[in-house]
Each structure stands twice: as structure tokens, then as C-alpha cells.
Amino acid sequence: MAADEEKYPQLTLMQAVSGESQSIGAFIEWLGENGMVVCTSKDGLRGAAFFPVLESTEKLLARYFGVDLNAAEVERRAMLAEFSARQGADTPA
């Protein structure tokens, strides 16, 4: 089901990037399965000390694609409420 872009901009964005997001997420999972993690340094790529990024894959992907996960959750709940209300109206008494 396609999201209404005006009512649900974050869900629309998530839907638009889902294929690319899944590919990147699969790669991040592959890194973990092979003993590697995404790292950062206070001094950027030239730093001497690196430490793992502790953000979840979901949050990393959301940040990369510019998705506000909190707003998306609010939209998801609103969409579900709208769907439920429609289903209730369609049910015979």
C-alpha cells in the first residue's frame, strides 16, 4: 500500500529508499558476521584511535537517508488508526 505523500512524508521517503536501504543494511549485517564493524575516530580518517559506532543499523540508515524515525512512528500509528477506522466503517452491523 502506497503512503499518501502529504499525510505521511516520512513513510513515503522510507518507501522510496527501501531497496537501497535493504542493500546497505544487508552489507552492514555482513560486516558484523565477518567480524567487522563501522568505526569512527575523533580525528576523522587520519585518526590513530578508532572506536565502533554504537548506533543501530536502523538509526544509521535513517540518518543516511534523512528519515526521522520518531515522525515515521507517529505517521505509522496515524495510518493504522485511519485504516482501522475505515475497516470499522465497512463492517456491517
PDB file of N, CA and C in Angstrom:
ATOM      1  N   MET A   1       0.848  -1.179   0.000  1.00  0.00           N
ATOM      2  CA  MET A   1       0.000   0.000   0.000  1.00  0.00           C
ATOM      3  C   MET A   1       0.890   1.237   0.000  1.00  0.00           C
ATOM      4  N   ALA A   2       0.644   2.132  -0.926  1.00  0.00           N
ATOM      5  CA  ALA A   2       1.437   3.355  -1.024  1.00  0.00           C
ATOM      6  C   ALA A   2       0.932   4.377  -0.010  1.00  0.00           C
ATOM      7  N   ALA A   3       1.891   5.074   0.600  1.00  0.00           N
ATOM      8  CA  ALA A   3       1.541   6.093   1.592  1.00  0.00           C
ATOM      9  C   ALA A   3       1.216   7.404   0.878  1.00  0.00           C
ATOM     10  N   ASP A   4       0.273   8.156   1.426  1.00  0.00           N
ATOM     11  CA  ASP A   4      -0.068   9.482   0.925  1.00  0.00           C
ATOM     12  C   ASP A   4       1.092  10.418   1.274  1.00  0.00           C
ATOM     13  N   GLU A   5       1.776  10.934   0.261  1.00  0.00           N
ATOM     14  CA  GLU A   5       2.999  11.722   0.467  1.00  0.00           C
ATOM     15  C   GLU A   5       2.774  12.957   1.338  1.00  0.00           C
ATOM     16  N   GLU A   6       1.634  13.611   1.197  1.00  0.00           N
ATOM     17  CA  GLU A   6       1.375  14.815   2.003  1.00  0.00           C
ATOM     18  C   GLU A   6       1.064  14.461   3.455  1.00  0.00           C
ATOM     19  N   LYS A   7       0.288  13.405   3.662  1.00  0.00           N
ATOM     20  CA  LYS A   7      -0.081  12.995   5.017  1.00  0.00           C
ATOM     21  C   LYS A   7       1.067  12.291   5.730  1.00  0.00           C
ATOM     22  N   TYR A   8       1.837  11.528   4.971  1.00  0.00           N
ATOM     23  CA  TYR A   8       2.859  10.654   5.555  1.00  0.00           C
ATOM     24  C   TYR A   8       4.206  10.813   4.841  1.00  0.00           C
ATOM     25  N   PRO A   9       4.835  11.986   4.969  1.00  0.00           N
ATOM     26  CA  PRO A   9       6.084  12.219   4.226  1.00  0.00           C
ATOM     27  C   PRO A   9       7.232  11.305   4.632  1.00  0.00           C
ATOM     28  N   GLN A  10       7.350  10.975   5.896  1.00  0.00           N
ATOM     29  CA  GLN A  10       8.449  10.110   6.330  1.00  0.00           C
ATOM     30  C   GLN A  10       8.247   8.681   5.839  1.00  0.00           C
ATOM     31  N   LEU A  11       7.015   8.181   5.894  1.00  0.00           N
ATOM     32  CA  LEU A  11       6.732   6.838   5.393  1.00  0.00           C
ATOM     33  C   LEU A  11       6.930   6.771   3.882  1.00  0.00           C
ATOM     34  N   THR A  12       6.568   7.841   3.189  1.00  0.00           N
ATOM     35  CA  THR A  12       6.784   7.904   1.746  1.00  0.00           C
ATOM     36  C   THR A  12       8.270   7.856   1.430  1.00  0.00           C
ATOM     37  N   LEU A  13       9.061   8.607   2.192  1.00  0.00           N
ATOM     38  CA  LEU A  13      10.508   8.600   1.996  1.00  0.00           C
ATOM     39  C   LEU A  13      11.080   7.206   2.260  1.00  0.00           C
ATOM     40  N   MET A  14      10.640   6.585   3.339  1.00  0.00           N
ATOM     41  CA  MET A  14      11.125   5.240   3.664  1.00  0.00           C
ATOM     42  C   MET A  14      10.789   4.255   2.551  1.00  0.00           C
ATOM     43  N   GLN A  15       9.609   4.385   2.006  1.00  0.00           N
ATOM     44  CA  GLN A  15       9.184   3.504   0.921  1.00  0.00           C
ATOM     45  C   GLN A  15      10.043   3.744  -0.325  1.00  0.00           C
ATOM     46  N   ALA A  16      10.365   4.995  -0.597  1.00  0.00           N
ATOM     47  CA  ALA A  16      11.149   5.338  -1.786  1.00  0.00           C
ATOM     48  C   ALA A  16      12.573   4.803  -1.727  1.00  0.00           C
ATOM     49  N   VAL A  17      13.143   4.719  -0.535  1.00  0.00           N
ATOM     50  CA  VAL A  17      14.545   4.294  -0.394  1.00  0.00           C
ATOM     51  C   VAL A  17      14.678   2.852   0.082  1.00  0.00           C
ATOM     52  N   SER A  18      13.573   2.125   0.172  1.00  0.00           N
ATOM     53  CA  SER A  18      13.599   0.801   0.792  1.00  0.00           C
ATOM     54  C   SER A  18      14.569  -0.171   0.121  1.00  0.00           C
ATOM     55  N   GLY A  19      14.628  -0.194  -1.185  1.00  0.00           N
ATOM     56  CA  GLY A  19      15.525  -1.119  -1.878  1.00  0.00           C
ATOM     57  C   GLY A  19      16.981  -0.845  -1.561  1.00  0.00           C
ATOM     58  N   GLU A  20      17.367   0.405  -1.692  1.00  0.00           N
ATOM     59  CA  GLU A  20      18.748   0.789  -1.398  1.00  0.00           C
ATOM     60  C   GLU A  20      19.059   0.590   0.083  1.00  0.00           C
ATOM     61  N   SER A  21      18.111   0.931   0.931  1.00  0.00           N
ATOM     62  CA  SER A  21      18.287   0.771   2.366  1.00  0.00           C
ATOM     63  C   SER A  21      18.495  -0.696   2.744  1.00  0.00           C
ATOM     64  N   GLN A  22      17.726  -1.590   2.132  1.00  0.00           N
ATOM     65  CA  GLN A  22      17.871  -3.018   2.415  1.00  0.00           C
ATOM     66  C   GLN A  22      19.247  -3.523   1.987  1.00  0.00           C
ATOM     67  N   SER A  23      19.733  -3.036   0.842  1.00  0.00           N
ATOM     68  CA  SER A  23      21.059  -3.456   0.363  1.00  0.00           C
ATOM     69  C   SER A  23      22.155  -2.994   1.311  1.00  0.00           C
ATOM     70  N   ILE A  24      22.088  -1.745   1.733  1.00  0.00           N
ATOM     71  CA  ILE A  24      23.097  -1.221   2.656  1.00  0.00           C
ATOM     72  C   ILE A  24      23.003  -1.942   3.999  1.00  0.00           C
ATOM     73  N   GLY A  25      21.788  -2.164   4.477  1.00  0.00           N
ATOM     74  CA  GLY A  25      21.590  -2.878   5.734  1.00  0.00           C
ATOM     75  C   GLY A  25      22.154  -4.289   5.671  1.00  0.00           C
ATOM     76  N   ALA A  26      21.950  -4.970   4.537  1.00  0.00           N
ATOM     77  CA  ALA A  26      22.494  -6.319   4.370  1.00  0.00           C
ATOM     78  C   ALA A  26      24.019  -6.285   4.411  1.00  0.00           C
ATOM     79  N   PHE A  27      24.618  -5.260   3.822  1.00  0.00           N
ATOM     80  CA  PHE A  27      26.069  -5.136   3.846  1.00  0.00           C
ATOM     81  C   PHE A  27      26.573  -4.907   5.279  1.00  0.00           C
ATOM     82  N   ILE A  28      25.889  -4.062   6.022  1.00  0.00           N
ATOM     83  CA  ILE A  28      26.291  -3.813   7.415  1.00  0.00           C
ATOM     84  C   ILE A  28      26.180  -5.106   8.229  1.00  0.00           C
ATOM     85  N   GLU A  29      25.124  -5.882   7.996  1.00  0.00           N
ATOM     86  CA  GLU A  29      24.989  -7.178   8.674  1.00  0.00           C
ATOM     87  C   GLU A  29      26.129  -8.114   8.283  1.00  0.00           C
ATOM     88  N   TRP A  30      26.478  -8.120   7.000  1.00  0.00           N
ATOM     89  CA  TRP A  30      27.581  -8.953   6.518  1.00  0.00           C
ATOM     90  C   TRP A  30      28.889  -8.570   7.217  1.00  0.00           C
ATOM     91  N   LEU A  31      29.104  -7.268   7.386  1.00  0.00           N
ATOM     92  CA  LEU A  31      30.300  -6.831   8.105  1.00  0.00           C
ATOM     93  C   LEU A  31      30.354  -7.477   9.487  1.00  0.00           C
ATOM     94  N   GLY A  32      29.251  -7.400  10.222  1.00  0.00           N
ATOM     95  CA  GLY A  32      29.198  -7.971  11.560  1.00  0.00           C
ATOM     96  C   GLY A  32      29.431  -9.469  11.564  1.00  0.00           C
ATOM     97  N   GLU A  33      28.842 -10.161  10.602  1.00  0.00           N
ATOM     98  CA  GLU A  33      29.008 -11.612  10.510  1.00  0.00           C
ATOM     99  C   GLU A  33      30.457 -11.998  10.222  1.00  0.00           C
ATOM    100  N   ASN A  34      31.216 -11.059   9.677  1.00  0.00           N
ATOM    101  CA  ASN A  34      32.605 -11.318   9.319  1.00  0.00           C
ATOM    102  C   ASN A  34      33.585 -10.604  10.242  1.00  0.00           C
ATOM    103  N   GLY A  35      33.103 -10.256  11.442  1.00  0.00           N
ATOM    104  CA  GLY A  35      33.975  -9.696  12.468  1.00  0.00           C
ATOM    105  C   GLY A  35      34.384  -8.251  12.253  1.00  0.00           C
ATOM    106  N   MET A  36      33.624  -7.521  11.440  1.00  0.00           N
ATOM    107  CA  MET A  36      33.952  -6.115  11.174  1.00  0.00           C
ATOM    108  C   MET A  36      32.800  -5.230  11.640  1.00  0.00           C
ATOM    109  N   VAL A  37      33.122  -4.003  11.976  1.00  0.00           N
ATOM    110  CA  VAL A  37      32.105  -3.042  12.391  1.00  0.00           C
ATOM    111  C   VAL A  37      32.405  -1.682  11.769  1.00  0.00           C
ATOM    112  N   VAL A  38      31.388  -0.843  11.722  1.00  0.00           N
ATOM    113  CA  VAL A  38      31.566   0.534  11.282  1.00  0.00           C
ATOM    114  C   VAL A  38      32.232   1.276  12.433  1.00  0.00           C
ATOM    115  N   CYS A  39      33.311   1.994  12.136  1.00  0.00           N
ATOM    116  CA  CYS A  39      34.069   2.698  13.179  1.00  0.00           C
ATOM    117  C   CYS A  39      34.182   4.182  12.868  1.00  0.00           C
ATOM    118  N   THR A  40      34.568   4.941  13.876  1.00  0.00           N
ATOM    119  CA  THR A  40      34.797   6.369  13.736  1.00  0.00           C
ATOM    120  C   THR A  40      35.993   6.754  14.598  1.00  0.00           C
ATOM    121  N   SER A  41      36.447   7.965  14.405  1.00  0.00           N
ATOM    122  CA  SER A  41      37.570   8.494  15.175  1.00  0.00           C
ATOM    123  C   SER A  41      37.321   9.961  15.443  1.00  0.00           C
ATOM    124  N   LYS A  42      37.813  10.447  16.560  1.00  0.00           N
ATOM    125  CA  LYS A  42      37.675  11.876  16.859  1.00  0.00           C
ATOM    126  C   LYS A  42      38.387  12.727  15.822  1.00  0.00           C
ATOM    127  N   ASP A  43      39.421  12.146  15.198  1.00  0.00           N
ATOM    128  CA  ASP A  43      40.233  12.873  14.228  1.00  0.00           C
ATOM    129  C   ASP A  43      39.923  12.490  12.786  1.00  0.00           C
ATOM    130  N   GLY A  44      38.771  11.921  12.531  1.00  0.00           N
ATOM    131  CA  GLY A  44      38.402  11.537  11.177  1.00  0.00           C
ATOM    132  C   GLY A  44      39.223  10.361  10.676  1.00  0.00           C
ATOM    133  N   LEU A  45      39.344  10.232   9.365  1.00  0.00           N
ATOM    134  CA  LEU A  45      40.046   9.097   8.776  1.00  0.00           C
ATOM    135  C   LEU A  45      41.538   9.087   9.085  1.00  0.00           C
ATOM    136  N   ARG A  46      42.093  10.220   9.463  1.00  0.00           N
ATOM    137  CA  ARG A  46      43.525  10.285   9.772  1.00  0.00           C
ATOM    138  C   ARG A  46      43.816   9.994  11.250  1.00  0.00           C
ATOM    139  N   GLY A  47      42.778   9.704  12.000  1.00  0.00           N
ATOM    140  CA  GLY A  47      42.951   9.442  13.425  1.00  0.00           C
ATOM    141  C   GLY A  47      43.747   8.172  13.685  1.00  0.00           C
ATOM    142  N   ALA A  48      44.290   8.097  14.865  1.00  0.00           N
ATOM    143  CA  ALA A  48      45.073   6.925  15.251  1.00  0.00           C
ATOM    144  C   ALA A  48      44.223   5.943  16.057  1.00  0.00           C
ATOM    145  N   ALA A  49      43.213   6.445  16.732  1.00  0.00           N
ATOM    146  CA  ALA A  49      42.366   5.588  17.570  1.00  0.00           C
ATOM    147  C   ALA A  49      40.946   5.578  17.010  1.00  0.00           C
ATOM    148  N   PHE A  50      40.461   4.393  16.694  1.00  0.00           N
ATOM    149  CA  PHE A  50      39.113   4.231  16.164  1.00  0.00           C
ATOM    150  C   PHE A  50      38.279   3.455  17.163  1.00  0.00           C
ATOM    151  N   PHE A  51      36.990   3.746  17.175  1.00  0.00           N
ATOM    152  CA  PHE A  51      36.086   3.029  18.059  1.00  0.00           C
ATOM    153  C   PHE A  51      34.792   2.758  17.312  1.00  0.00           C
ATOM    154  N   PRO A  52      34.113   1.664  17.651  1.00  0.00           N
ATOM    155  CA  PRO A  52      32.897   1.290  16.917  1.00  0.00           C
ATOM    156  C   PRO A  52      31.774   2.303  17.096  1.00  0.00           C
ATOM    157  N   VAL A  53      31.027   2.489  16.025  1.00  0.00           N
ATOM    158  CA  VAL A  53      29.814   3.308  16.076  1.00  0.00           C
ATOM    159  C   VAL A  53      28.756   2.431  16.723  1.00  0.00           C
ATOM    160  N   LEU A  54      28.170   2.896  17.808  1.00  0.00           N
ATOM    161  CA  LEU A  54      27.231   2.076  18.570  1.00  0.00           C
ATOM    162  C   LEU A  54      25.771   2.285  18.165  1.00  0.00           C
ATOM    163  N   GLU A  55      25.542   3.053  17.126  1.00  0.00           N
ATOM    164  CA  GLU A  55      24.192   3.277  16.630  1.00  0.00           C
ATOM    165  C   GLU A  55      23.700   2.017  15.923  1.00  0.00           C
ATOM    166  N   SER A  56      22.417   1.722  16.052  1.00  0.00           N
ATOM    167  CA  SER A  56      21.850   0.560  15.374  1.00  0.00           C
ATOM    168  C   SER A  56      21.871   0.778  13.862  1.00  0.00           C
ATOM    169  N   THR A  57      21.795  -0.320  13.134  1.00  0.00           N
ATOM    170  CA  THR A  57      21.745  -0.234  11.669  1.00  0.00           C
ATOM    171  C   THR A  57      20.554   0.611  11.238  1.00  0.00           C
ATOM    172  N   GLU A  58      19.422   0.425  11.898  1.00  0.00           N
ATOM    173  CA  GLU A  58      18.211   1.192  11.563  1.00  0.00           C
ATOM    174  C   GLU A  58      18.461   2.686  11.703  1.00  0.00           C
ATOM    175  N   LYS A  59      19.097   3.085  12.792  1.00  0.00           N
ATOM    176  CA  LYS A  59      19.363   4.511  13.009  1.00  0.00           C
ATOM    177  C   LYS A  59      20.399   5.047  12.036  1.00  0.00           C
ATOM    178  N   LEU A  60      21.419   4.252  11.720  1.00  0.00           N
ATOM    179  CA  LEU A  60      22.407   4.681  10.727  1.00  0.00           C
ATOM    180  C   LEU A  60      21.753   4.913   9.375  1.00  0.00           C
ATOM    181  N   LEU A  61      20.912   3.974   8.970  1.00  0.00           N
ATOM    182  CA  LEU A  61      20.229   4.097   7.682  1.00  0.00           C
ATOM    183  C   LEU A  61      19.280   5.291   7.672  1.00  0.00           C
ATOM    184  N   ALA A  62      18.561   5.481   8.759  1.00  0.00           N
ATOM    185  CA  ALA A  62      17.650   6.631   8.845  1.00  0.00           C
ATOM    186  C   ALA A  62      18.425   7.933   8.722  1.00  0.00           C
ATOM    187  N   ARG A  63      19.551   8.011   9.397  1.00  0.00           N
ATOM    188  CA  ARG A  63      20.366   9.222   9.328  1.00  0.00           C
ATOM    189  C   ARG A  63      20.882   9.427   7.901  1.00  0.00           C
ATOM    190  N   TYR A  64      21.350   8.367   7.270  1.00  0.00           N
ATOM    191  CA  TYR A  64      21.872   8.457   5.901  1.00  0.00           C
ATOM    192  C   TYR A  64      20.806   8.955   4.926  1.00  0.00           C
ATOM    193  N   PHE A  65      19.590   8.419   5.050  1.00  0.00           N
ATOM    194  CA  PHE A  65      18.527   8.767   4.117  1.00  0.00           C
ATOM    195  C   PHE A  65      17.699   9.974   4.558  1.00  0.00           C
ATOM    196  N   GLY A  66      17.994  10.535   5.732  1.00  0.00           N
ATOM    197  CA  GLY A  66      17.266  11.711   6.203  1.00  0.00           C
ATOM    198  C   GLY A  66      15.870  11.401   6.708  1.00  0.00           C
ATOM    199  N   VAL A  67      15.687  10.225   7.271  1.00  0.00           N
ATOM    200  CA  VAL A  67      14.382   9.812   7.805  1.00  0.00           C
ATOM    201  C   VAL A  67      14.341  10.115   9.301  1.00  0.00           C
ATOM    202  N   ASP A  68      13.269  10.744   9.745  1.00  0.00           N
ATOM    203  CA  ASP A  68      13.038  10.994  11.164  1.00  0.00           C
ATOM    204  C   ASP A  68      12.231   9.807  11.694  1.00  0.00           C
ATOM    205  N   LEU A  69      12.900   8.911  12.419  1.00  0.00           N
ATOM    206  CA  LEU A  69      12.231   7.696  12.886  1.00  0.00           C
ATOM    207  C   LEU A  69      11.079   7.979  13.840  1.00  0.00           C
ATOM    208  N   ASN A  70      11.202   9.005  14.664  1.00  0.00           N
ATOM    209  CA  ASN A  70      10.106   9.341  15.583  1.00  0.00           C
ATOM    210  C   ASN A  70       8.884   9.820  14.809  1.00  0.00           C
ATOM    211  N   ALA A  71       9.105  10.683  13.818  1.00  0.00           N
ATOM    212  CA  ALA A  71       7.992  11.163  12.997  1.00  0.00           C
ATOM    213  C   ALA A  71       7.385  10.006  12.199  1.00  0.00           C
ATOM    214  N   ALA A  72       8.226   9.095  11.721  1.00  0.00           N
ATOM    215  CA  ALA A  72       7.726   7.937  10.966  1.00  0.00           C
ATOM    216  C   ALA A  72       6.835   7.063  11.839  1.00  0.00           C
ATOM    217  N   GLU A  73       7.196   6.902  13.102  1.00  0.00           N
ATOM    218  CA  GLU A  73       6.374   6.108  14.018  1.00  0.00           C
ATOM    219  C   GLU A  73       5.022   6.784  14.253  1.00  0.00           C
ATOM    220  N   VAL A  74       5.018   8.100  14.404  1.00  0.00           N
ATOM    221  CA  VAL A  74       3.756   8.839  14.574  1.00  0.00           C
ATOM    222  C   VAL A  74       2.891   8.655  13.323  1.00  0.00           C
ATOM    223  N   GLU A  75       3.520   8.762  12.147  1.00  0.00           N
ATOM    224  CA  GLU A  75       2.783   8.571  10.893  1.00  0.00           C
ATOM    225  C   GLU A  75       2.248   7.152  10.777  1.00  0.00           C
ATOM    226  N   ARG A  76       3.050   6.175  11.166  1.00  0.00           N
ATOM    227  CA  ARG A  76       2.651   4.771  11.092  1.00  0.00           C
ATOM    228  C   ARG A  76       1.410   4.522  11.958  1.00  0.00           C
ATOM    229  N   ARG A  77       1.421   5.108  13.159  1.00  0.00           N
ATOM    230  CA  ARG A  77       0.265   4.950  14.056  1.00  0.00           C
ATOM    231  C   ARG A  77      -0.975   5.648  13.501  1.00  0.00           C
ATOM    232  N   ALA A  78      -0.783   6.821  12.906  1.00  0.00           N
ATOM    233  CA  ALA A  78      -1.906   7.551  12.312  1.00  0.00           C
ATOM    234  C   ALA A  78      -2.483   6.769  11.134  1.00  0.00           C
ATOM    235  N   MET A  79      -1.595   6.182  10.323  1.00  0.00           N
ATOM    236  CA  MET A  79      -2.052   5.405   9.174  1.00  0.00           C
ATOM    237  C   MET A  79      -2.827   4.173   9.642  1.00  0.00           C
ATOM    238  N   LEU A  80      -2.335   3.513  10.678  1.00  0.00           N
ATOM    239  CA  LEU A  80      -3.019   2.343  11.222  1.00  0.00           C
ATOM    240  C   LEU A  80      -4.390   2.725  11.790  1.00  0.00           C
ATOM    241  N   ALA A  81      -4.450   3.848  12.489  1.00  0.00           N
ATOM    242  CA  ALA A  81      -5.730   4.314  13.044  1.00  0.00           C
ATOM    243  C   ALA A  81      -6.713   4.620  11.922  1.00  0.00           C
ATOM    244  N   GLU A  82      -6.227   5.250  10.865  1.00  0.00           N
ATOM    245  CA  GLU A  82      -7.085   5.576   9.712  1.00  0.00           C
ATOM    246  C   GLU A  82      -7.585   4.284   9.052  1.00  0.00           C
ATOM    247  N   PHE A  83      -6.693   3.325   8.886  1.00  0.00           N
ATOM    248  CA  PHE A  83      -7.064   2.043   8.289  1.00  0.00           C
ATOM    249  C   PHE A  83      -8.098   1.328   9.156  1.00  0.00           C
ATOM    250  N   SER A  84      -7.869   1.307  10.465  1.00  0.00           N
ATOM    251  CA  SER A  84      -8.802   0.646  11.386  1.00  0.00           C
ATOM    252  C   SER A  84     -10.171   1.309  11.364  1.00  0.00           C
ATOM    253  N   ALA A  85     -10.173   2.638  11.316  1.00  0.00           N
ATOM    254  CA  ALA A  85     -11.441   3.372  11.262  1.00  0.00           C
ATOM    255  C   ALA A  85     -12.201   3.041   9.972  1.00  0.00           C
ATOM    256  N   ARG A  86     -11.460   2.940   8.877  1.00  0.00           N
ATOM    257  CA  ARG A  86     -12.088   2.590   7.605  1.00  0.00           C
ATOM    258  C   ARG A  86     -12.654   1.171   7.632  1.00  0.00           C
ATOM    259  N   GLN A  87     -11.909   0.248   8.238  1.00  0.00           N
ATOM    260  CA  GLN A  87     -12.371  -1.136   8.321  1.00  0.00           C
ATOM    261  C   GLN A  87     -13.625  -1.213   9.173  1.00  0.00           C
ATOM    262  N   GLY A  88     -13.665  -0.430  10.266  1.00  0.00           N
ATOM    263  CA  GLY A  88     -14.847  -0.408  11.133  1.00  0.00           C
ATOM    264  C   GLY A  88     -16.051   0.143  10.420  1.00  0.00           C
ATOM    265  N   ALA A  89     -15.856   1.131   9.561  1.00  0.00           N
ATOM    266  CA  ALA A  89     -16.963   1.736   8.822  1.00  0.00           C
ATOM    267  C   ALA A  89     -17.484   0.783   7.751  1.00  0.00           C
ATOM    268  N   ASP A  90     -16.621  -0.092   7.252  1.00  0.00           N
ATOM    269  CA  ASP A  90     -17.013  -1.030   6.192  1.00  0.00           C
ATOM    270  C   ASP A  90     -17.663  -2.305   6.731  1.00  0.00           C
ATOM    271  N   THR A  91     -17.576  -2.526   8.047  1.00  0.00           N
ATOM    272  CA  THR A  91     -18.119  -3.743   8.645  1.00  0.00           C
ATOM    273  C   THR A  91     -19.632  -3.566   8.877  1.00  0.00           C
ATOM    274  N   PRO A  92     -20.423  -4.501   8.350  1.00  0.00           N
ATOM    275  CA  PRO A  92     -21.873  -4.392   8.561  1.00  0.00           C
ATOM    276  C   PRO A  92     -22.241  -4.624  10.030  1.00  0.00           C
ATOM    277  N   ALA A  93     -23.276  -3.939  10.467  1.00  0.00           N
ATOM    278  CA  ALA A  93     -23.717  -4.028  11.867  1.00  0.00           C
ATOM    279  C   ALA A  93     -24.562  -5.229  12.125  1.00  0.00           C
TER     280      ALA A  93
END
